[in-house]
Amino acid sequence: MPATVVAEAGYLAGVLDAARAGLGAALL
């Protein structure tokens, strides 16, 4: 399943914000 990281953050809060914004799926 080809995948790419389209948004990354130094901490979990940024990952949650990017996922909430609909940018992609997050493994949490």
mmCIF file of all heavy atoms, coordinates in Angstrom:
data_MODEL
# 
_entry.id   MODEL 
# 
loop_
_atom_site.group_PDB 
_atom_site.id 
_atom_site.type_symbol 
_atom_site.label_atom_id 
_atom_site.label_alt_id 
_atom_site.label_comp_id 
_atom_site.label_asym_id 
_atom_site.label_entity_id 
_atom_site.label_seq_id 
_atom_site.pdbx_PDB_ins_code 
_atom_site.Cartn_x 
_atom_site.Cartn_y 
_atom_site.Cartn_z 
_atom_site.occupancy 
_atom_site.B_iso_or_equiv 
_atom_site.pdbx_formal_charge 
_atom_site.auth_seq_id 
_atom_site.auth_comp_id 
_atom_site.auth_asym_id 
_atom_site.auth_atom_id 
_atom_site.pdbx_PDB_model_num 
ATOM 1   N N   . MET A 1 1  ? 0.866  -1.179 0.000  1.00 0.00 ? 1  MET A N   1 
ATOM 2   C CA  . MET A 1 1  ? 0.000  0.000  0.000  1.00 0.00 ? 1  MET A CA  1 
ATOM 3   C C   . MET A 1 1  ? 0.905  1.232  0.000  1.00 0.00 ? 1  MET A C   1 
ATOM 4   O O   . MET A 1 1  ? 1.433  1.600  1.047  1.00 0.00 ? 1  MET A O   1 
ATOM 5   C CB  . MET A 1 1  ? -0.914 -0.006 1.230  1.00 0.00 ? 1  MET A CB  1 
ATOM 6   C CG  . MET A 1 1  ? -1.847 -1.203 1.296  1.00 0.00 ? 1  MET A CG  1 
ATOM 7   S SD  . MET A 1 1  ? -2.838 -1.222 2.821  1.00 0.00 ? 1  MET A SD  1 
ATOM 8   C CE  . MET A 1 1  ? -4.032 0.051  2.438  1.00 0.00 ? 1  MET A CE  1 
ATOM 9   N N   . PRO A 1 2  ? 1.136  1.847  -1.153 1.00 0.00 ? 2  PRO A N   1 
ATOM 10  C CA  . PRO A 1 2  ? 2.033  3.003  -1.208 1.00 0.00 ? 2  PRO A CA  1 
ATOM 11  C C   . PRO A 1 2  ? 1.521  4.139  -0.324 1.00 0.00 ? 2  PRO A C   1 
ATOM 12  O O   . PRO A 1 2  ? 0.344  4.497  -0.364 1.00 0.00 ? 2  PRO A O   1 
ATOM 13  C CB  . PRO A 1 2  ? 2.037  3.420  -2.677 1.00 0.00 ? 2  PRO A CB  1 
ATOM 14  C CG  . PRO A 1 2  ? 1.185  2.457  -3.409 1.00 0.00 ? 2  PRO A CG  1 
ATOM 15  C CD  . PRO A 1 2  ? 0.526  1.540  -2.438 1.00 0.00 ? 2  PRO A CD  1 
ATOM 16  N N   . ALA A 1 3  ? 2.416  4.709  0.476  1.00 0.00 ? 3  ALA A N   1 
ATOM 17  C CA  . ALA A 1 3  ? 2.046  5.785  1.395  1.00 0.00 ? 3  ALA A CA  1 
ATOM 18  C C   . ALA A 1 3  ? 3.173  6.797  1.469  1.00 0.00 ? 3  ALA A C   1 
ATOM 19  O O   . ALA A 1 3  ? 4.339  6.467  1.232  1.00 0.00 ? 3  ALA A O   1 
ATOM 20  C CB  . ALA A 1 3  ? 1.763  5.214  2.779  1.00 0.00 ? 3  ALA A CB  1 
ATOM 21  N N   . THR A 1 4  ? 2.818  8.010  1.795  1.00 0.00 ? 4  THR A N   1 
ATOM 22  C CA  . THR A 1 4  ? 3.806  9.067  1.983  1.00 0.00 ? 4  THR A CA  1 
ATOM 23  C C   . THR A 1 4  ? 3.363  9.966  3.128  1.00 0.00 ? 4  THR A C   1 
ATOM 24  O O   . THR A 1 4  ? 2.160  10.175 3.337  1.00 0.00 ? 4  THR A O   1 
ATOM 25  C CB  . THR A 1 4  ? 3.996  9.893  0.692  1.00 0.00 ? 4  THR A CB  1 
ATOM 26  O OG1 . THR A 1 4  ? 5.076  10.805 0.877  1.00 0.00 ? 4  THR A OG1 1 
ATOM 27  C CG2 . THR A 1 4  ? 2.745  10.663 0.317  1.00 0.00 ? 4  THR A CG2 1 
ATOM 28  N N   . VAL A 1 5  ? 4.327  10.477 3.861  1.00 0.00 ? 5  VAL A N   1 
ATOM 29  C CA  . VAL A 1 5  ? 4.029  11.409 4.949  1.00 0.00 ? 5  VAL A CA  1 
ATOM 30  C C   . VAL A 1 5  ? 3.875  12.788 4.321  1.00 0.00 ? 5  VAL A C   1 
ATOM 31  O O   . VAL A 1 5  ? 4.830  13.341 3.772  1.00 0.00 ? 5  VAL A O   1 
ATOM 32  C CB  . VAL A 1 5  ? 5.133  11.396 6.023  1.00 0.00 ? 5  VAL A CB  1 
ATOM 33  C CG1 . VAL A 1 5  ? 4.854  12.444 7.091  1.00 0.00 ? 5  VAL A CG1 1 
ATOM 34  C CG2 . VAL A 1 5  ? 5.240  10.008 6.650  1.00 0.00 ? 5  VAL A CG2 1 
ATOM 35  N N   . VAL A 1 6  ? 2.652  13.332 4.392  1.00 0.00 ? 6  VAL A N   1 
ATOM 36  C CA  . VAL A 1 6  ? 2.374  14.639 3.793  1.00 0.00 ? 6  VAL A CA  1 
ATOM 37  C C   . VAL A 1 6  ? 2.423  15.769 4.813  1.00 0.00 ? 6  VAL A C   1 
ATOM 38  O O   . VAL A 1 6  ? 2.474  16.936 4.448  1.00 0.00 ? 6  VAL A O   1 
ATOM 39  C CB  . VAL A 1 6  ? 1.000  14.647 3.079  1.00 0.00 ? 6  VAL A CB  1 
ATOM 40  C CG1 . VAL A 1 6  ? 0.984  13.660 1.927  1.00 0.00 ? 6  VAL A CG1 1 
ATOM 41  C CG2 . VAL A 1 6  ? -0.132 14.379 4.054  1.00 0.00 ? 6  VAL A CG2 1 
ATOM 42  N N   . ALA A 1 7  ? 2.380  15.408 6.093  1.00 0.00 ? 7  ALA A N   1 
ATOM 43  C CA  . ALA A 1 7  ? 2.477  16.403 7.159  1.00 0.00 ? 7  ALA A CA  1 
ATOM 44  C C   . ALA A 1 7  ? 3.185  15.752 8.331  1.00 0.00 ? 7  ALA A C   1 
ATOM 45  O O   . ALA A 1 7  ? 2.887  14.618 8.699  1.00 0.00 ? 7  ALA A O   1 
ATOM 46  C CB  . ALA A 1 7  ? 1.089  16.887 7.578  1.00 0.00 ? 7  ALA A CB  1 
ATOM 47  N N   . GLU A 1 8  ? 4.141  16.459 8.896  1.00 0.00 ? 8  GLU A N   1 
ATOM 48  C CA  . GLU A 1 8  ? 4.861  15.934 10.045 1.00 0.00 ? 8  GLU A CA  1 
ATOM 49  C C   . GLU A 1 8  ? 5.067  17.043 11.063 1.00 0.00 ? 8  GLU A C   1 
ATOM 50  O O   . GLU A 1 8  ? 5.029  18.226 10.727 1.00 0.00 ? 8  GLU A O   1 
ATOM 51  C CB  . GLU A 1 8  ? 6.182  15.297 9.637  1.00 0.00 ? 8  GLU A CB  1 
ATOM 52  C CG  . GLU A 1 8  ? 7.138  16.209 8.934  1.00 0.00 ? 8  GLU A CG  1 
ATOM 53  C CD  . GLU A 1 8  ? 8.373  15.479 8.424  1.00 0.00 ? 8  GLU A CD  1 
ATOM 54  O OE1 . GLU A 1 8  ? 8.594  14.314 8.780  1.00 0.00 ? 8  GLU A OE1 1 
ATOM 55  O OE2 . GLU A 1 8  ? 9.131  16.100 7.663  1.00 0.00 ? 8  GLU A OE2 1 
ATOM 56  N N   . ALA A 1 9  ? 5.258  16.631 12.303 1.00 0.00 ? 9  ALA A N   1 
ATOM 57  C CA  . ALA A 1 9  ? 5.427  17.594 13.394 1.00 0.00 ? 9  ALA A CA  1 
ATOM 58  C C   . ALA A 1 9  ? 6.411  17.026 14.402 1.00 0.00 ? 9  ALA A C   1 
ATOM 59  O O   . ALA A 1 9  ? 6.608  15.811 14.488 1.00 0.00 ? 9  ALA A O   1 
ATOM 60  C CB  . ALA A 1 9  ? 4.076  17.866 14.060 1.00 0.00 ? 9  ALA A CB  1 
ATOM 61  N N   . GLY A 1 10 ? 7.023  17.903 15.158 1.00 0.00 ? 10 GLY A N   1 
ATOM 62  C CA  . GLY A 1 10 ? 7.976  17.487 16.171 1.00 0.00 ? 10 GLY A CA  1 
ATOM 63  C C   . GLY A 1 10 ? 7.327  16.830 17.369 1.00 0.00 ? 10 GLY A C   1 
ATOM 64  O O   . GLY A 1 10 ? 7.973  16.070 18.084 1.00 0.00 ? 10 GLY A O   1 
ATOM 65  N N   . TYR A 1 11 ? 6.055  17.117 17.569 1.00 0.00 ? 11 TYR A N   1 
ATOM 66  C CA  . TYR A 1 11 ? 5.341  16.563 18.720 1.00 0.00 ? 11 TYR A CA  1 
ATOM 67  C C   . TYR A 1 11 ? 3.951  16.113 18.300 1.00 0.00 ? 11 TYR A C   1 
ATOM 68  O O   . TYR A 1 11 ? 3.426  16.500 17.258 1.00 0.00 ? 11 TYR A O   1 
ATOM 69  C CB  . TYR A 1 11 ? 5.257  17.601 19.848 1.00 0.00 ? 11 TYR A CB  1 
ATOM 70  C CG  . TYR A 1 11 ? 6.606  17.840 20.478 1.00 0.00 ? 11 TYR A CG  1 
ATOM 71  C CD1 . TYR A 1 11 ? 7.428  18.865 20.030 1.00 0.00 ? 11 TYR A CD1 1 
ATOM 72  C CD2 . TYR A 1 11 ? 7.076  17.009 21.486 1.00 0.00 ? 11 TYR A CD2 1 
ATOM 73  C CE1 . TYR A 1 11 ? 8.679  19.060 20.593 1.00 0.00 ? 11 TYR A CE1 1 
ATOM 74  C CE2 . TYR A 1 11 ? 8.318  17.199 22.057 1.00 0.00 ? 11 TYR A CE2 1 
ATOM 75  C CZ  . TYR A 1 11 ? 9.120  18.228 21.607 1.00 0.00 ? 11 TYR A CZ  1 
ATOM 76  O OH  . TYR A 1 11 ? 10.352 18.409 22.160 1.00 0.00 ? 11 TYR A OH  1 
ATOM 77  N N   . LEU A 1 12 ? 3.341  15.308 19.134 1.00 0.00 ? 12 LEU A N   1 
ATOM 78  C CA  . LEU A 1 12 ? 2.048  14.700 18.848 1.00 0.00 ? 12 LEU A CA  1 
ATOM 79  C C   . LEU A 1 12 ? 0.951  15.733 18.590 1.00 0.00 ? 12 LEU A C   1 
ATOM 80  O O   . LEU A 1 12 ? 0.079  15.514 17.758 1.00 0.00 ? 12 LEU A O   1 
ATOM 81  C CB  . LEU A 1 12 ? 1.657  13.764 19.995 1.00 0.00 ? 12 LEU A CB  1 
ATOM 82  C CG  . LEU A 1 12 ? 0.377  12.968 19.823 1.00 0.00 ? 12 LEU A CG  1 
ATOM 83  C CD1 . LEU A 1 12 ? 0.440  12.074 18.595 1.00 0.00 ? 12 LEU A CD1 1 
ATOM 84  C CD2 . LEU A 1 12 ? 0.118  12.140 21.075 1.00 0.00 ? 12 LEU A CD2 1 
ATOM 85  N N   . ALA A 1 13 ? 0.997  16.855 19.287 1.00 0.00 ? 13 ALA A N   1 
ATOM 86  C CA  . ALA A 1 13 ? -0.050 17.878 19.105 1.00 0.00 ? 13 ALA A CA  1 
ATOM 87  C C   . ALA A 1 13 ? -0.156 18.314 17.645 1.00 0.00 ? 13 ALA A C   1 
ATOM 88  O O   . ALA A 1 13 ? -1.254 18.477 17.107 1.00 0.00 ? 13 ALA A O   1 
ATOM 89  C CB  . ALA A 1 13 ? 0.211  19.079 20.007 1.00 0.00 ? 13 ALA A CB  1 
ATOM 90  N N   . GLY A 1 14 ? 0.964  18.475 16.986 1.00 0.00 ? 14 GLY A N   1 
ATOM 91  C CA  . GLY A 1 14 ? 0.955  18.869 15.582 1.00 0.00 ? 14 GLY A CA  1 
ATOM 92  C C   . GLY A 1 14 ? 0.397  17.785 14.682 1.00 0.00 ? 14 GLY A C   1 
ATOM 93  O O   . GLY A 1 14 ? -0.293 18.069 13.698 1.00 0.00 ? 14 GLY A O   1 
ATOM 94  N N   . VAL A 1 15 ? 0.686  16.530 15.019 1.00 0.00 ? 15 VAL A N   1 
ATOM 95  C CA  . VAL A 1 15 ? 0.140  15.402 14.255 1.00 0.00 ? 15 VAL A CA  1 
ATOM 96  C C   . VAL A 1 15 ? -1.379 15.384 14.381 1.00 0.00 ? 15 VAL A C   1 
ATOM 97  O O   . VAL A 1 15 ? -2.099 15.224 13.393 1.00 0.00 ? 15 VAL A O   1 
ATOM 98  C CB  . VAL A 1 15 ? 0.757  14.067 14.737 1.00 0.00 ? 15 VAL A CB  1 
ATOM 99  C CG1 . VAL A 1 15 ? 0.043  12.879 14.111 1.00 0.00 ? 15 VAL A CG1 1 
ATOM 100 C CG2 . VAL A 1 15 ? 2.243  14.031 14.421 1.00 0.00 ? 15 VAL A CG2 1 
ATOM 101 N N   . LEU A 1 16 ? -1.870 15.562 15.603 1.00 0.00 ? 16 LEU A N   1 
ATOM 102 C CA  . LEU A 1 16 ? -3.322 15.587 15.817 1.00 0.00 ? 16 LEU A CA  1 
ATOM 103 C C   . LEU A 1 16 ? -3.972 16.726 15.044 1.00 0.00 ? 16 LEU A C   1 
ATOM 104 O O   . LEU A 1 16 ? -5.027 16.544 14.426 1.00 0.00 ? 16 LEU A O   1 
ATOM 105 C CB  . LEU A 1 16 ? -3.629 15.692 17.313 1.00 0.00 ? 16 LEU A CB  1 
ATOM 106 C CG  . LEU A 1 16 ? -3.185 14.507 18.165 1.00 0.00 ? 16 LEU A CG  1 
ATOM 107 C CD1 . LEU A 1 16 ? -3.383 14.808 19.643 1.00 0.00 ? 16 LEU A CD1 1 
ATOM 108 C CD2 . LEU A 1 16 ? -3.897 13.233 17.771 1.00 0.00 ? 16 LEU A CD2 1 
ATOM 109 N N   . ASP A 1 17 ? -3.348 17.900 15.062 1.00 0.00 ? 17 ASP A N   1 
ATOM 110 C CA  . ASP A 1 17 ? -3.902 19.045 14.321 1.00 0.00 ? 17 ASP A CA  1 
ATOM 111 C C   . ASP A 1 17 ? -3.958 18.758 12.825 1.00 0.00 ? 17 ASP A C   1 
ATOM 112 O O   . ASP A 1 17 ? -4.949 19.060 12.155 1.00 0.00 ? 17 ASP A O   1 
ATOM 113 C CB  . ASP A 1 17 ? -3.066 20.305 14.576 1.00 0.00 ? 17 ASP A CB  1 
ATOM 114 C CG  . ASP A 1 17 ? -3.266 20.878 15.966 1.00 0.00 ? 17 ASP A CG  1 
ATOM 115 O OD1 . ASP A 1 17 ? -4.279 20.543 16.627 1.00 0.00 ? 17 ASP A OD1 1 
ATOM 116 O OD2 . ASP A 1 17 ? -2.401 21.659 16.411 1.00 0.00 ? 17 ASP A OD2 1 
ATOM 117 N N   . ALA A 1 18 ? -2.896 18.169 12.278 1.00 0.00 ? 18 ALA A N   1 
ATOM 118 C CA  . ALA A 1 18 ? -2.868 17.864 10.841 1.00 0.00 ? 18 ALA A CA  1 
ATOM 119 C C   . ALA A 1 18 ? -3.910 16.818 10.479 1.00 0.00 ? 18 ALA A C   1 
ATOM 120 O O   . ALA A 1 18 ? -4.576 16.919 9.436  1.00 0.00 ? 18 ALA A O   1 
ATOM 121 C CB  . ALA A 1 18 ? -1.471 17.386 10.435 1.00 0.00 ? 18 ALA A CB  1 
ATOM 122 N N   . ALA A 1 19 ? -4.081 15.819 11.329 1.00 0.00 ? 19 ALA A N   1 
ATOM 123 C CA  . ALA A 1 19 ? -5.112 14.802 11.066 1.00 0.00 ? 19 ALA A CA  1 
ATOM 124 C C   . ALA A 1 19 ? -6.503 15.419 11.154 1.00 0.00 ? 19 ALA A C   1 
ATOM 125 O O   . ALA A 1 19 ? -7.363 15.131 10.317 1.00 0.00 ? 19 ALA A O   1 
ATOM 126 C CB  . ALA A 1 19 ? -4.971 13.643 12.044 1.00 0.00 ? 19 ALA A CB  1 
ATOM 127 N N   . ARG A 1 20 ? -6.738 16.262 12.152 1.00 0.00 ? 20 ARG A N   1 
ATOM 128 C CA  . ARG A 1 20 ? -8.045 16.936 12.282 1.00 0.00 ? 20 ARG A CA  1 
ATOM 129 C C   . ARG A 1 20 ? -8.349 17.816 11.070 1.00 0.00 ? 20 ARG A C   1 
ATOM 130 O O   . ARG A 1 20 ? -9.504 17.990 10.699 1.00 0.00 ? 20 ARG A O   1 
ATOM 131 C CB  . ARG A 1 20 ? -8.073 17.797 13.545 1.00 0.00 ? 20 ARG A CB  1 
ATOM 132 C CG  . ARG A 1 20 ? -8.205 17.024 14.809 1.00 0.00 ? 20 ARG A CG  1 
ATOM 133 C CD  . ARG A 1 20 ? -8.324 17.969 16.013 1.00 0.00 ? 20 ARG A CD  1 
ATOM 134 N NE  . ARG A 1 20 ? -8.047 17.242 17.215 1.00 0.00 ? 20 ARG A NE  1 
ATOM 135 C CZ  . ARG A 1 20 ? -6.974 17.411 17.997 1.00 0.00 ? 20 ARG A CZ  1 
ATOM 136 N NH1 . ARG A 1 20 ? -6.084 18.344 17.709 1.00 0.00 ? 20 ARG A NH1 1 
ATOM 137 N NH2 . ARG A 1 20 ? -6.808 16.680 19.072 1.00 0.00 ? 20 ARG A NH2 1 
ATOM 138 N N   . ALA A 1 21 ? -7.298 18.368 10.472 1.00 0.00 ? 21 ALA A N   1 
ATOM 139 C CA  . ALA A 1 21 ? -7.463 19.221 9.291  1.00 0.00 ? 21 ALA A CA  1 
ATOM 140 C C   . ALA A 1 21 ? -7.743 18.404 8.030  1.00 0.00 ? 21 ALA A C   1 
ATOM 141 O O   . ALA A 1 21 ? -7.950 18.973 6.957  1.00 0.00 ? 21 ALA A O   1 
ATOM 142 C CB  . ALA A 1 21 ? -6.217 20.083 9.094  1.00 0.00 ? 21 ALA A CB  1 
ATOM 143 N N   . GLY A 1 22 ? -7.728 17.075 8.151  1.00 0.00 ? 22 GLY A N   1 
ATOM 144 C CA  . GLY A 1 22 ? -8.042 16.221 7.007  1.00 0.00 ? 22 GLY A CA  1 
ATOM 145 C C   . GLY A 1 22 ? -6.886 15.999 6.061  1.00 0.00 ? 22 GLY A C   1 
ATOM 146 O O   . GLY A 1 22 ? -7.097 15.595 4.909  1.00 0.00 ? 22 GLY A O   1 
ATOM 147 N N   . LEU A 1 23 ? -5.655 16.235 6.527  1.00 0.00 ? 23 LEU A N   1 
ATOM 148 C CA  . LEU A 1 23 ? -4.502 16.092 5.638  1.00 0.00 ? 23 LEU A CA  1 
ATOM 149 C C   . LEU A 1 23 ? -4.119 14.643 5.375  1.00 0.00 ? 23 LEU A C   1 
ATOM 150 O O   . LEU A 1 23 ? -3.447 14.350 4.397  1.00 0.00 ? 23 LEU A O   1 
ATOM 151 C CB  . LEU A 1 23 ? -3.307 16.855 6.208  1.00 0.00 ? 23 LEU A CB  1 
ATOM 152 C CG  . LEU A 1 23 ? -3.514 18.360 6.382  1.00 0.00 ? 23 LEU A CG  1 
ATOM 153 C CD1 . LEU A 1 23 ? -2.261 18.994 6.959  1.00 0.00 ? 23 LEU A CD1 1 
ATOM 154 C CD2 . LEU A 1 23 ? -3.904 19.007 5.066  1.00 0.00 ? 23 LEU A CD2 1 
ATOM 155 N N   . GLY A 1 24 ? -4.521 13.750 6.270  1.00 0.00 ? 24 GLY A N   1 
ATOM 156 C CA  . GLY A 1 24 ? -4.196 12.344 6.078  1.00 0.00 ? 24 GLY A CA  1 
ATOM 157 C C   . GLY A 1 24 ? -4.558 11.527 7.294  1.00 0.00 ? 24 GLY A C   1 
ATOM 158 O O   . GLY A 1 24 ? -5.083 12.045 8.277  1.00 0.00 ? 24 GLY A O   1 
ATOM 159 N N   . ALA A 1 25 ? -4.260 10.235 7.222  1.00 0.00 ? 25 ALA A N   1 
ATOM 160 C CA  . ALA A 1 25 ? -4.502 9.322  8.340  1.00 0.00 ? 25 ALA A CA  1 
ATOM 161 C C   . ALA A 1 25 ? -3.291 9.336  9.258  1.00 0.00 ? 25 ALA A C   1 
ATOM 162 O O   . ALA A 1 25 ? -2.166 9.580  8.823  1.00 0.00 ? 25 ALA A O   1 
ATOM 163 C CB  . ALA A 1 25 ? -4.756 7.910  7.819  1.00 0.00 ? 25 ALA A CB  1 
ATOM 164 N N   . ALA A 1 26 ? -3.527 9.052  10.535 1.00 0.00 ? 26 ALA A N   1 
ATOM 165 C CA  . ALA A 1 26 ? -2.448 9.011  11.522 1.00 0.00 ? 26 ALA A CA  1 
ATOM 166 C C   . ALA A 1 26 ? -2.530 7.712  12.307 1.00 0.00 ? 26 ALA A C   1 
ATOM 167 O O   . ALA A 1 26 ? -3.616 7.305  12.726 1.00 0.00 ? 26 ALA A O   1 
ATOM 168 C CB  . ALA A 1 26 ? -2.559 10.200 12.473 1.00 0.00 ? 26 ALA A CB  1 
ATOM 169 N N   . LEU A 1 27 ? -1.403 7.056  12.498 1.00 0.00 ? 27 LEU A N   1 
ATOM 170 C CA  . LEU A 1 27 ? -1.322 5.902  13.379 1.00 0.00 ? 27 LEU A CA  1 
ATOM 171 C C   . LEU A 1 27 ? -1.002 6.435  14.760 1.00 0.00 ? 27 LEU A C   1 
ATOM 172 O O   . LEU A 1 27 ? 0.023  7.092  14.960 1.00 0.00 ? 27 LEU A O   1 
ATOM 173 C CB  . LEU A 1 27 ? -0.235 4.932  12.905 1.00 0.00 ? 27 LEU A CB  1 
ATOM 174 C CG  . LEU A 1 27 ? -0.120 3.642  13.697 1.00 0.00 ? 27 LEU A CG  1 
ATOM 175 C CD1 . LEU A 1 27 ? -1.397 2.800  13.570 1.00 0.00 ? 27 LEU A CD1 1 
ATOM 176 C CD2 . LEU A 1 27 ? 1.097  2.838  13.232 1.00 0.00 ? 27 LEU A CD2 1 
ATOM 177 N N   . LEU A 1 28 ? -1.908 6.177  15.712 1.00 0.00 ? 28 LEU A N   1 
ATOM 178 C CA  . LEU A 1 28 ? -1.767 6.742  17.053 1.00 0.00 ? 28 LEU A CA  1 
ATOM 179 C C   . LEU A 1 28 ? -1.798 5.660  18.115 1.00 0.00 ? 28 LEU A C   1 
ATOM 180 O O   . LEU A 1 28 ? -2.453 4.637  17.954 1.00 0.00 ? 28 LEU A O   1 
ATOM 181 C CB  . LEU A 1 28 ? -2.910 7.737  17.326 1.00 0.00 ? 28 LEU A CB  1 
ATOM 182 C CG  . LEU A 1 28 ? -3.036 8.911  16.351 1.00 0.00 ? 28 LEU A CG  1 
ATOM 183 C CD1 . LEU A 1 28 ? -4.281 9.717  16.670 1.00 0.00 ? 28 LEU A CD1 1 
ATOM 184 C CD2 . LEU A 1 28 ? -1.790 9.787  16.390 1.00 0.00 ? 28 LEU A CD2 1 
# 
